[in-house]
Amino acid sequence: MQETLKRHITEIIPLTEDEFAFVAAHFSVQNFKKREYLIRQGKNVPYTYFVVSGLLKLIYNDESGKEHILSFAMEDWWETDFLAFYSGTKATMSLQCLEDTCVLCISLEDYEKLCSGLPKMEHFFLKKATSGHIASQQRIFSLLSSNARDRYNQLLKRYPSLFQRVPKTLIASYLGVSRETLSRLSS
């Protein structure tokens, strides 16, 4: 697990062994079973999560109970309800396991200690946040400007392994189409 995190970080910034030991000391390991929640809508969000293994979905349940999938998070991805995590407010989204999942967790307090104690980690987290922001903008733009077939093809091209790991009903929900429409798109 630690080696996965080390590899992930050193793709962006170099770390000495001592620096990585300092980084690793700020994380804890948690394991979750399929269908378990890491975050529940309306509850506190104590951590941001780095996915070591497994698959998560970030969801919003509207007043009618309909589930909307905002994102999937697989290995080497970071996920949380970022607004709730950074502001200390209640979660507006839930984070649920689609597979048995192992994550490394960091609290806001440890995140701040890590960044102040090792400033180059601020650069690392800025790069990750920027990448996430760009991906979110691309997703929004795609929903606004692309038809269902184009969104399907973009997702397939960008994350082909997702189609082997996620039920078609969830792919359809993420794309904003019915299960029947997804069947037509994939044939």
N, C-alpha and C. Protein backbone atom coordinates (compact mmCIF):
# COMPACT_ATOMS: atom_id res chain seq x y z
N MET A 1 0.80 -1.19 0.00
CA MET A 1 0.00 0.00 0.00
C MET A 1 0.85 1.27 0.00
N GLN A 2 1.82 1.29 0.87
CA GLN A 2 2.70 2.47 0.94
C GLN A 2 3.44 2.67 -0.37
N GLU A 3 3.85 1.58 -0.99
CA GLU A 3 4.57 1.70 -2.27
C GLU A 3 3.69 2.27 -3.37
N THR A 4 2.40 1.93 -3.33
CA THR A 4 1.46 2.49 -4.31
C THR A 4 1.37 4.00 -4.15
N LEU A 5 1.26 4.45 -2.91
CA LEU A 5 1.20 5.89 -2.65
C LEU A 5 2.52 6.56 -3.05
N LYS A 6 3.62 5.95 -2.72
CA LYS A 6 4.93 6.53 -3.05
C LYS A 6 5.09 6.68 -4.56
N ARG A 7 4.75 5.65 -5.30
CA ARG A 7 4.84 5.70 -6.76
C ARG A 7 3.95 6.81 -7.30
N HIS A 8 2.74 6.88 -6.77
CA HIS A 8 1.77 7.88 -7.21
C HIS A 8 2.31 9.31 -6.99
N ILE A 9 2.87 9.57 -5.85
CA ILE A 9 3.38 10.91 -5.53
C ILE A 9 4.63 11.22 -6.34
N THR A 10 5.54 10.24 -6.44
CA THR A 10 6.82 10.52 -7.12
C THR A 10 6.68 10.63 -8.63
N GLU A 11 5.50 10.34 -9.17
CA GLU A 11 5.25 10.65 -10.58
C GLU A 11 5.18 12.16 -10.79
N ILE A 12 4.94 12.90 -9.72
CA ILE A 12 4.79 14.35 -9.80
C ILE A 12 5.93 15.09 -9.11
N ILE A 13 6.30 14.63 -7.93
CA ILE A 13 7.39 15.28 -7.19
C ILE A 13 8.36 14.23 -6.67
N PRO A 14 9.66 14.55 -6.60
CA PRO A 14 10.61 13.60 -6.03
C PRO A 14 10.53 13.63 -4.50
N LEU A 15 10.74 12.48 -3.89
CA LEU A 15 10.75 12.38 -2.43
C LEU A 15 11.93 11.54 -1.98
N THR A 16 12.59 11.97 -0.93
CA THR A 16 13.62 11.13 -0.30
C THR A 16 12.90 10.09 0.56
N GLU A 17 13.64 9.12 1.03
CA GLU A 17 13.03 8.10 1.91
C GLU A 17 12.48 8.74 3.18
N ASP A 18 13.22 9.68 3.75
CA ASP A 18 12.76 10.37 4.97
C ASP A 18 11.51 11.19 4.69
N GLU A 19 11.47 11.87 3.55
CA GLU A 19 10.29 12.65 3.20
C GLU A 19 9.08 11.75 3.02
N PHE A 20 9.28 10.60 2.36
CA PHE A 20 8.14 9.71 2.18
C PHE A 20 7.68 9.13 3.52
N ALA A 21 8.59 8.84 4.41
CA ALA A 21 8.21 8.35 5.74
C ALA A 21 7.34 9.40 6.44
N PHE A 22 7.70 10.67 6.29
CA PHE A 22 6.91 11.76 6.86
C PHE A 22 5.52 11.80 6.22
N VAL A 23 5.45 11.66 4.91
CA VAL A 23 4.17 11.64 4.20
C VAL A 23 3.32 10.47 4.69
N ALA A 24 3.88 9.29 4.69
CA ALA A 24 3.13 8.08 5.04
C ALA A 24 2.57 8.14 6.45
N ALA A 25 3.27 8.82 7.34
CA ALA A 25 2.83 8.92 8.74
C ALA A 25 1.51 9.69 8.88
N HIS A 26 1.11 10.42 7.86
CA HIS A 26 -0.11 11.22 7.93
C HIS A 26 -1.34 10.48 7.40
N PHE A 27 -1.15 9.27 6.90
CA PHE A 27 -2.24 8.49 6.32
C PHE A 27 -2.57 7.29 7.19
N SER A 28 -3.82 6.87 7.14
CA SER A 28 -4.23 5.61 7.76
C SER A 28 -4.88 4.75 6.68
N VAL A 29 -4.90 3.45 6.92
CA VAL A 29 -5.46 2.48 5.98
C VAL A 29 -6.86 2.09 6.44
N GLN A 30 -7.79 2.03 5.50
CA GLN A 30 -9.12 1.51 5.80
C GLN A 30 -9.54 0.58 4.67
N ASN A 31 -10.22 -0.49 5.05
CA ASN A 31 -10.76 -1.45 4.09
C ASN A 31 -12.28 -1.45 4.19
N PHE A 32 -12.92 -1.50 3.04
CA PHE A 32 -14.38 -1.50 2.98
C PHE A 32 -14.84 -2.63 2.08
N LYS A 33 -16.01 -3.15 2.38
CA LYS A 33 -16.63 -4.19 1.57
C LYS A 33 -17.53 -3.56 0.50
N LYS A 34 -17.76 -4.32 -0.54
CA LYS A 34 -18.69 -3.89 -1.59
C LYS A 34 -20.01 -3.44 -0.95
N ARG A 35 -20.54 -2.33 -1.42
CA ARG A 35 -21.79 -1.70 -0.99
C ARG A 35 -21.65 -0.87 0.30
N GLU A 36 -20.51 -0.92 0.97
CA GLU A 36 -20.32 -0.08 2.16
C GLU A 36 -20.11 1.37 1.74
N TYR A 37 -20.45 2.27 2.64
CA TYR A 37 -20.29 3.70 2.42
C TYR A 37 -19.06 4.22 3.17
N LEU A 38 -18.28 5.04 2.49
CA LEU A 38 -17.20 5.77 3.13
C LEU A 38 -17.72 7.11 3.63
N ILE A 39 -18.65 7.68 2.86
CA ILE A 39 -19.28 8.96 3.19
C ILE A 39 -20.77 8.80 2.96
N ARG A 40 -21.56 9.37 3.87
CA ARG A 40 -23.02 9.38 3.70
C ARG A 40 -23.51 10.82 3.65
N GLN A 41 -24.39 11.06 2.70
CA GLN A 41 -25.02 12.36 2.55
C GLN A 41 -25.59 12.81 3.91
N GLY A 42 -25.30 14.05 4.31
CA GLY A 42 -25.82 14.58 5.57
C GLY A 42 -24.92 14.34 6.78
N LYS A 43 -23.84 13.61 6.59
CA LYS A 43 -22.91 13.29 7.70
C LYS A 43 -21.61 14.08 7.53
N ASN A 44 -20.77 14.05 8.55
CA ASN A 44 -19.46 14.69 8.48
C ASN A 44 -18.55 13.92 7.52
N VAL A 45 -17.57 14.63 6.97
CA VAL A 45 -16.61 14.03 6.04
C VAL A 45 -15.21 14.17 6.66
N PRO A 46 -14.76 13.15 7.37
CA PRO A 46 -13.49 13.28 8.10
C PRO A 46 -12.24 13.11 7.25
N TYR A 47 -12.35 12.53 6.05
CA TYR A 47 -11.17 12.20 5.27
C TYR A 47 -11.34 12.51 3.79
N THR A 48 -10.20 12.64 3.14
CA THR A 48 -10.14 12.48 1.70
C THR A 48 -9.44 11.14 1.49
N TYR A 49 -9.79 10.45 0.42
CA TYR A 49 -9.38 9.06 0.23
C TYR A 49 -8.55 8.89 -1.03
N PHE A 50 -7.46 8.13 -0.90
CA PHE A 50 -6.66 7.70 -2.03
C PHE A 50 -6.96 6.22 -2.24
N VAL A 51 -7.45 5.85 -3.42
CA VAL A 51 -7.86 4.46 -3.68
C VAL A 51 -6.63 3.62 -4.02
N VAL A 52 -6.34 2.66 -3.17
CA VAL A 52 -5.24 1.72 -3.40
C VAL A 52 -5.74 0.58 -4.28
N SER A 53 -6.91 0.05 -3.94
CA SER A 53 -7.52 -1.00 -4.76
C SER A 53 -9.03 -0.90 -4.58
N GLY A 54 -9.74 -1.28 -5.63
CA GLY A 54 -11.19 -1.25 -5.57
C GLY A 54 -11.78 -0.16 -6.44
N LEU A 55 -13.06 0.07 -6.26
CA LEU A 55 -13.80 1.00 -7.09
C LEU A 55 -14.92 1.64 -6.27
N LEU A 56 -15.05 2.96 -6.41
CA LEU A 56 -16.05 3.73 -5.67
C LEU A 56 -16.94 4.50 -6.63
N LYS A 57 -18.11 4.90 -6.14
CA LYS A 57 -18.95 5.84 -6.89
C LYS A 57 -19.33 6.97 -5.95
N LEU A 58 -19.24 8.20 -6.47
CA LEU A 58 -19.66 9.38 -5.75
C LEU A 58 -21.05 9.72 -6.25
N ILE A 59 -22.02 9.77 -5.34
CA ILE A 59 -23.41 9.90 -5.75
C ILE A 59 -24.12 11.01 -4.98
N TYR A 60 -25.16 11.53 -5.62
CA TYR A 60 -26.05 12.48 -4.99
C TYR A 60 -27.45 11.92 -5.11
N ASN A 61 -28.16 11.85 -3.99
CA ASN A 61 -29.55 11.41 -4.01
C ASN A 61 -30.44 12.64 -3.86
N ASP A 62 -31.29 12.89 -4.88
CA ASP A 62 -32.15 14.07 -4.84
C ASP A 62 -33.35 13.82 -3.92
N GLU A 63 -34.21 14.84 -3.79
CA GLU A 63 -35.35 14.77 -2.87
C GLU A 63 -36.29 13.62 -3.19
N SER A 64 -36.36 13.24 -4.47
CA SER A 64 -37.25 12.14 -4.85
C SER A 64 -36.60 10.77 -4.63
N GLY A 65 -35.33 10.78 -4.21
CA GLY A 65 -34.62 9.52 -3.97
C GLY A 65 -33.85 9.01 -5.16
N LYS A 66 -33.89 9.75 -6.27
CA LYS A 66 -33.16 9.32 -7.46
C LYS A 66 -31.66 9.52 -7.24
N GLU A 67 -30.90 8.50 -7.62
CA GLU A 67 -29.45 8.54 -7.48
C GLU A 67 -28.81 9.10 -8.74
N HIS A 68 -27.91 10.07 -8.55
CA HIS A 68 -27.16 10.67 -9.64
C HIS A 68 -25.67 10.36 -9.39
N ILE A 69 -25.00 9.77 -10.38
CA ILE A 69 -23.58 9.43 -10.22
C ILE A 69 -22.74 10.58 -10.75
N LEU A 70 -21.96 11.16 -9.86
CA LEU A 70 -21.08 12.27 -10.23
C LEU A 70 -19.76 11.76 -10.78
N SER A 71 -19.25 10.69 -10.16
CA SER A 71 -17.97 10.15 -10.63
C SER A 71 -17.77 8.73 -10.14
N PHE A 72 -16.83 8.08 -10.79
CA PHE A 72 -16.30 6.80 -10.32
C PHE A 72 -14.85 7.07 -9.91
N ALA A 73 -14.36 6.32 -8.94
CA ALA A 73 -12.97 6.46 -8.51
C ALA A 73 -12.36 5.07 -8.40
N MET A 74 -11.30 4.86 -9.15
CA MET A 74 -10.61 3.57 -9.13
C MET A 74 -9.18 3.77 -8.63
N GLU A 75 -8.37 2.77 -8.76
CA GLU A 75 -7.01 2.80 -8.26
C GLU A 75 -6.26 4.07 -8.69
N ASP A 76 -5.52 4.64 -7.75
CA ASP A 76 -4.71 5.86 -7.94
C ASP A 76 -5.54 7.12 -8.05
N TRP A 77 -6.80 7.08 -7.70
CA TRP A 77 -7.65 8.27 -7.72
C TRP A 77 -7.88 8.74 -6.29
N TRP A 78 -8.13 10.03 -6.17
CA TRP A 78 -8.49 10.66 -4.91
C TRP A 78 -9.98 10.99 -4.97
N GLU A 79 -10.69 10.76 -3.87
CA GLU A 79 -12.12 11.09 -3.88
C GLU A 79 -12.60 11.43 -2.48
N THR A 80 -13.55 12.33 -2.43
CA THR A 80 -14.28 12.71 -1.23
C THR A 80 -15.36 13.68 -1.64
N ASP A 81 -16.15 14.14 -0.72
CA ASP A 81 -17.02 15.30 -0.94
C ASP A 81 -16.13 16.48 -0.57
N PHE A 82 -15.49 17.08 -1.56
CA PHE A 82 -14.45 18.07 -1.30
C PHE A 82 -14.98 19.30 -0.57
N LEU A 83 -16.17 19.77 -0.92
CA LEU A 83 -16.73 20.93 -0.23
C LEU A 83 -16.89 20.64 1.26
N ALA A 84 -17.50 19.52 1.59
CA ALA A 84 -17.72 19.16 2.99
C ALA A 84 -16.39 18.92 3.71
N PHE A 85 -15.45 18.27 3.06
CA PHE A 85 -14.15 17.97 3.67
C PHE A 85 -13.41 19.26 4.04
N TYR A 86 -13.31 20.18 3.10
CA TYR A 86 -12.53 21.40 3.33
C TYR A 86 -13.27 22.45 4.17
N SER A 87 -14.59 22.45 4.13
CA SER A 87 -15.33 23.49 4.85
C SER A 87 -15.86 23.02 6.21
N GLY A 88 -15.81 21.72 6.45
CA GLY A 88 -16.32 21.18 7.71
C GLY A 88 -17.84 21.14 7.76
N THR A 89 -18.49 21.20 6.60
CA THR A 89 -19.95 21.11 6.54
C THR A 89 -20.37 19.66 6.33
N LYS A 90 -21.66 19.42 6.38
CA LYS A 90 -22.20 18.07 6.17
C LYS A 90 -22.10 17.70 4.68
N ALA A 91 -21.94 16.42 4.42
CA ALA A 91 -21.81 15.92 3.05
C ALA A 91 -23.10 16.16 2.26
N THR A 92 -22.94 16.58 1.03
CA THR A 92 -24.08 16.68 0.11
C THR A 92 -24.11 15.47 -0.82
N MET A 93 -23.07 14.63 -0.72
CA MET A 93 -22.95 13.44 -1.56
C MET A 93 -22.58 12.24 -0.69
N SER A 94 -22.70 11.08 -1.27
CA SER A 94 -22.28 9.84 -0.62
C SER A 94 -21.20 9.19 -1.47
N LEU A 95 -20.33 8.45 -0.82
CA LEU A 95 -19.27 7.70 -1.50
C LEU A 95 -19.42 6.24 -1.12
N GLN A 96 -19.67 5.40 -2.13
CA GLN A 96 -19.99 4.00 -1.89
C GLN A 96 -19.08 3.08 -2.68
N CYS A 97 -18.77 1.93 -2.09
CA CYS A 97 -17.92 0.93 -2.75
C CYS A 97 -18.73 0.12 -3.76
N LEU A 98 -18.17 -0.01 -4.95
CA LEU A 98 -18.73 -0.92 -5.96
C LEU A 98 -18.01 -2.26 -5.94
N GLU A 99 -16.86 -2.28 -5.30
CA GLU A 99 -16.04 -3.48 -5.10
C GLU A 99 -15.46 -3.40 -3.69
N ASP A 100 -14.94 -4.51 -3.18
CA ASP A 100 -14.15 -4.42 -1.95
C ASP A 100 -13.03 -3.42 -2.23
N THR A 101 -12.80 -2.51 -1.30
CA THR A 101 -11.91 -1.39 -1.56
C THR A 101 -10.97 -1.13 -0.40
N CYS A 102 -9.73 -0.83 -0.73
CA CYS A 102 -8.72 -0.43 0.25
C CYS A 102 -8.32 1.01 -0.08
N VAL A 103 -8.37 1.87 0.93
CA VAL A 103 -8.03 3.28 0.73
C VAL A 103 -7.01 3.72 1.78
N LEU A 104 -6.26 4.74 1.41
CA LEU A 104 -5.45 5.48 2.37
C LEU A 104 -6.20 6.77 2.65
N CYS A 105 -6.35 7.10 3.92
CA CYS A 105 -7.16 8.24 4.33
C CYS A 105 -6.27 9.30 4.96
N ILE A 106 -6.63 10.56 4.73
CA ILE A 106 -5.95 11.65 5.39
C ILE A 106 -7.00 12.66 5.86
N SER A 107 -6.89 13.06 7.12
CA SER A 107 -7.81 14.06 7.67
C SER A 107 -7.36 15.45 7.24
N LEU A 108 -8.23 16.42 7.39
CA LEU A 108 -7.87 17.79 7.04
C LEU A 108 -6.72 18.29 7.93
N GLU A 109 -6.76 17.95 9.19
CA GLU A 109 -5.68 18.35 10.10
C GLU A 109 -4.35 17.77 9.64
N ASP A 110 -4.33 16.47 9.30
CA ASP A 110 -3.09 15.84 8.83
C ASP A 110 -2.67 16.37 7.46
N TYR A 111 -3.64 16.66 6.61
CA TYR A 111 -3.35 17.26 5.31
C TYR A 111 -2.62 18.59 5.49
N GLU A 112 -3.14 19.43 6.38
CA GLU A 112 -2.52 20.73 6.62
C GLU A 112 -1.14 20.60 7.26
N LYS A 113 -0.99 19.66 8.19
CA LYS A 113 0.33 19.41 8.80
C LYS A 113 1.32 18.91 7.75
N LEU A 114 0.86 18.02 6.90
CA LEU A 114 1.71 17.48 5.84
C LEU A 114 2.18 18.59 4.90
N CYS A 115 1.27 19.43 4.47
CA CYS A 115 1.63 20.50 3.53
C CYS A 115 2.52 21.55 4.18
N SER A 116 2.31 21.87 5.44
CA SER A 116 3.17 22.86 6.09
C SER A 116 4.52 22.25 6.45
N GLY A 117 4.56 20.97 6.76
CA GLY A 117 5.82 20.31 7.10
C GLY A 117 6.66 19.92 5.89
N LEU A 118 6.02 19.77 4.75
CA LEU A 118 6.72 19.39 3.52
C LEU A 118 6.05 20.15 2.36
N PRO A 119 6.46 21.42 2.15
CA PRO A 119 5.78 22.29 1.18
C PRO A 119 5.64 21.72 -0.23
N LYS A 120 6.53 20.84 -0.65
CA LYS A 120 6.37 20.31 -2.01
C LYS A 120 5.13 19.43 -2.14
N MET A 121 4.58 18.98 -1.00
CA MET A 121 3.33 18.23 -1.07
C MET A 121 2.17 19.16 -1.45
N GLU A 122 2.28 20.45 -1.12
CA GLU A 122 1.28 21.41 -1.59
C GLU A 122 1.26 21.43 -3.11
N HIS A 123 2.44 21.39 -3.71
CA HIS A 123 2.54 21.35 -5.17
C HIS A 123 1.89 20.07 -5.71
N PHE A 124 2.16 18.95 -5.07
CA PHE A 124 1.55 17.69 -5.48
C PHE A 124 0.04 17.78 -5.44
N PHE A 125 -0.50 18.24 -4.31
CA PHE A 125 -1.96 18.31 -4.17
C PHE A 125 -2.57 19.34 -5.11
N LEU A 126 -1.85 20.41 -5.40
CA LEU A 126 -2.33 21.39 -6.37
C LEU A 126 -2.44 20.76 -7.76
N LYS A 127 -1.43 19.98 -8.15
CA LYS A 127 -1.48 19.29 -9.45
C LYS A 127 -2.66 18.32 -9.51
N LYS A 128 -2.89 17.58 -8.43
CA LYS A 128 -4.00 16.63 -8.41
C LYS A 128 -5.34 17.38 -8.45
N ALA A 129 -5.45 18.46 -7.70
CA ALA A 129 -6.69 19.25 -7.69
C ALA A 129 -6.96 19.87 -9.06
N THR A 130 -5.91 20.36 -9.69
CA THR A 130 -6.07 20.96 -11.02
C THR A 130 -6.54 19.90 -12.02
N SER A 131 -5.95 18.72 -11.97
CA SER A 131 -6.38 17.64 -12.86
C SER A 131 -7.84 17.27 -12.63
N GLY A 132 -8.23 17.21 -11.37
CA GLY A 132 -9.61 16.89 -11.04
C GLY A 132 -10.57 17.98 -11.50
N HIS A 133 -10.16 19.22 -11.35
CA HIS A 133 -10.98 20.34 -11.79
C HIS A 133 -11.17 20.31 -13.30
N ILE A 134 -10.10 20.04 -14.02
CA ILE A 134 -10.18 19.95 -15.48
C ILE A 134 -11.12 18.80 -15.89
N ALA A 135 -10.98 17.66 -15.24
CA ALA A 135 -11.85 16.52 -15.55
C ALA A 135 -13.31 16.86 -15.29
N SER A 136 -13.58 17.56 -14.18
CA SER A 136 -14.97 17.95 -13.88
C SER A 136 -15.51 18.90 -14.94
N GLN A 137 -14.70 19.87 -15.35
CA GLN A 137 -15.15 20.79 -16.39
C GLN A 137 -15.41 20.06 -17.71
N GLN A 138 -14.55 19.11 -18.04
CA GLN A 138 -14.75 18.34 -19.27
C GLN A 138 -16.04 17.53 -19.20
N ARG A 139 -16.32 16.96 -18.03
CA ARG A 139 -17.55 16.18 -17.87
C ARG A 139 -18.76 17.08 -18.03
N ILE A 140 -18.75 18.24 -17.39
CA ILE A 140 -19.87 19.17 -17.52
C ILE A 140 -20.04 19.61 -18.97
N PHE A 141 -18.94 19.96 -19.60
CA PHE A 141 -18.99 20.39 -21.00
C PHE A 141 -19.54 19.27 -21.88
N SER A 142 -19.11 18.05 -21.64
CA SER A 142 -19.60 16.91 -22.41
C SER A 142 -21.10 16.73 -22.23
N LEU A 143 -21.59 16.86 -21.00
CA LEU A 143 -23.03 16.72 -20.75
C LEU A 143 -23.82 17.81 -21.46
N LEU A 144 -23.24 19.00 -21.57
CA LEU A 144 -23.93 20.12 -22.20
C LEU A 144 -23.85 20.11 -23.72
N SER A 145 -22.76 19.58 -24.25
CA SER A 145 -22.52 19.75 -25.69
C SER A 145 -22.49 18.48 -26.52
N SER A 146 -22.46 17.33 -25.89
CA SER A 146 -22.34 16.08 -26.64
C SER A 146 -23.62 15.26 -26.56
N ASN A 147 -23.85 14.49 -27.61
CA ASN A 147 -24.99 13.59 -27.56
C ASN A 147 -24.60 12.32 -26.79
N ALA A 148 -25.56 11.47 -26.53
CA ALA A 148 -25.33 10.28 -25.72
C ALA A 148 -24.26 9.37 -26.33
N ARG A 149 -24.29 9.21 -27.64
CA ARG A 149 -23.30 8.34 -28.29
C ARG A 149 -21.89 8.89 -28.10
N ASP A 150 -21.73 10.19 -28.27
CA ASP A 150 -20.40 10.80 -28.08
C ASP A 150 -19.93 10.67 -26.63
N ARG A 151 -20.83 10.86 -25.66
CA ARG A 151 -20.45 10.71 -24.24
C ARG A 151 -20.04 9.28 -23.95
N TYR A 152 -20.78 8.33 -24.52
CA TYR A 152 -20.46 6.91 -24.36
C TYR A 152 -19.07 6.62 -24.93
N ASN A 153 -18.81 7.08 -26.15
CA ASN A 153 -17.51 6.82 -26.79
C ASN A 153 -16.36 7.50 -26.05
N GLN A 154 -16.59 8.71 -25.53
CA GLN A 154 -15.56 9.39 -24.75
C GLN A 154 -15.22 8.61 -23.49
N LEU A 155 -16.26 8.13 -22.80
CA LEU A 155 -16.03 7.35 -21.58
C LEU A 155 -15.32 6.05 -21.89
N LEU A 156 -15.73 5.37 -22.94
CA LEU A 156 -15.11 4.12 -23.35
C LEU A 156 -13.64 4.32 -23.70
N LYS A 157 -13.34 5.40 -24.42
CA LYS A 157 -11.97 5.69 -24.81
C LYS A 157 -11.10 6.05 -23.60
N ARG A 158 -11.66 6.86 -22.71
CA ARG A 158 -10.90 7.36 -21.56
C ARG A 158 -10.71 6.29 -20.49
N TYR A 159 -11.75 5.49 -20.21
CA TYR A 159 -11.72 4.51 -19.11
C TYR A 159 -12.28 3.17 -19.55
N PRO A 160 -11.60 2.47 -20.47
CA PRO A 160 -12.16 1.21 -20.98
C PRO A 160 -12.38 0.15 -19.90
N SER A 161 -11.54 0.12 -18.87
CA SER A 161 -11.68 -0.90 -17.83
C SER A 161 -12.95 -0.71 -17.01
N LEU A 162 -13.46 0.51 -16.98
CA LEU A 162 -14.68 0.78 -16.23
C LEU A 162 -15.84 -0.08 -16.73
N PHE A 163 -15.88 -0.34 -18.03
CA PHE A 163 -16.98 -1.09 -18.63
C PHE A 163 -16.94 -2.57 -18.22
N GLN A 164 -15.79 -3.05 -17.76
CA GLN A 164 -15.70 -4.42 -17.28
C GLN A 164 -16.04 -4.51 -15.79
N ARG A 165 -15.97 -3.37 -15.10
CA ARG A 165 -16.09 -3.37 -13.64
C ARG A 165 -17.41 -2.82 -13.11
N VAL A 166 -18.12 -2.07 -13.94
CA VAL A 166 -19.32 -1.38 -13.48
C VAL A 166 -20.54 -1.92 -14.22
N PRO A 167 -21.62 -2.21 -13.50
CA PRO A 167 -22.85 -2.65 -14.17
C PRO A 167 -23.35 -1.60 -15.16
N LYS A 168 -23.97 -2.07 -16.22
CA LYS A 168 -24.44 -1.16 -17.28
C LYS A 168 -25.44 -0.14 -16.76
N THR A 169 -26.24 -0.51 -15.77
CA THR A 169 -27.20 0.45 -15.23
C THR A 169 -26.48 1.67 -14.62
N LEU A 170 -25.33 1.44 -14.01
CA LEU A 170 -24.57 2.55 -13.42
C LEU A 170 -23.87 3.38 -14.49
N ILE A 171 -23.38 2.72 -15.53
CA ILE A 171 -22.78 3.46 -16.66
C ILE A 171 -23.86 4.35 -17.28
N ALA A 172 -25.05 3.80 -17.46
CA ALA A 172 -26.15 4.57 -18.04
C ALA A 172 -26.47 5.78 -17.17
N SER A 173 -26.55 5.58 -15.87
CA SER A 173 -26.82 6.68 -14.95
C SER A 173 -25.75 7.75 -15.03
N TYR A 174 -24.50 7.35 -15.06
CA TYR A 174 -23.39 8.30 -15.16
C TYR A 174 -23.47 9.11 -16.45
N LEU A 175 -23.85 8.46 -17.54
CA LEU A 175 -23.95 9.14 -18.84
C LEU A 175 -25.24 9.94 -18.99
N GLY A 176 -26.18 9.74 -18.08
CA GLY A 176 -27.44 10.47 -18.16
C GLY A 176 -28.39 9.91 -19.20
N VAL A 177 -28.34 8.58 -19.39
CA VAL A 177 -29.23 7.92 -20.35
C VAL A 177 -29.91 6.73 -19.68
N SER A 178 -30.93 6.20 -20.33
CA SER A 178 -31.59 5.01 -19.81
C SER A 178 -30.74 3.77 -20.10
N ARG A 179 -31.05 2.70 -19.41
CA ARG A 179 -30.36 1.42 -19.64
C ARG A 179 -30.61 0.95 -21.08
N GLU A 180 -31.80 1.19 -21.58
CA GLU A 180 -32.14 0.78 -22.95
C GLU A 180 -31.32 1.57 -23.97
N THR A 181 -31.18 2.88 -23.73
CA THR A 181 -30.37 3.71 -24.63
C THR A 181 -28.92 3.24 -24.62
N LEU A 182 -28.41 2.91 -23.44
CA LEU A 182 -27.03 2.42 -23.35
C LEU A 182 -26.87 1.13 -24.15
N SER A 183 -27.85 0.25 -24.10
CA SER A 183 -27.79 -0.99 -24.88
C SER A 183 -27.69 -0.70 -26.37
N ARG A 184 -28.45 0.28 -26.84
CA ARG A 184 -28.38 0.65 -28.24
C ARG A 184 -27.01 1.25 -28.58
N LEU A 185 -26.46 2.06 -27.67
CA LEU A 185 -25.17 2.70 -27.92
C LEU A 185 -24.04 1.69 -27.97
N SER A 186 -24.15 0.64 -27.16
CA SER A 186 -23.05 -0.32 -27.06
C SER A 186 -23.14 -1.45 -28.09
N SER A 187 -24.20 -1.46 -28.88
CA SER A 187 -24.31 -2.55 -29.87
C SER A 187 -23.78 -2.13 -31.23
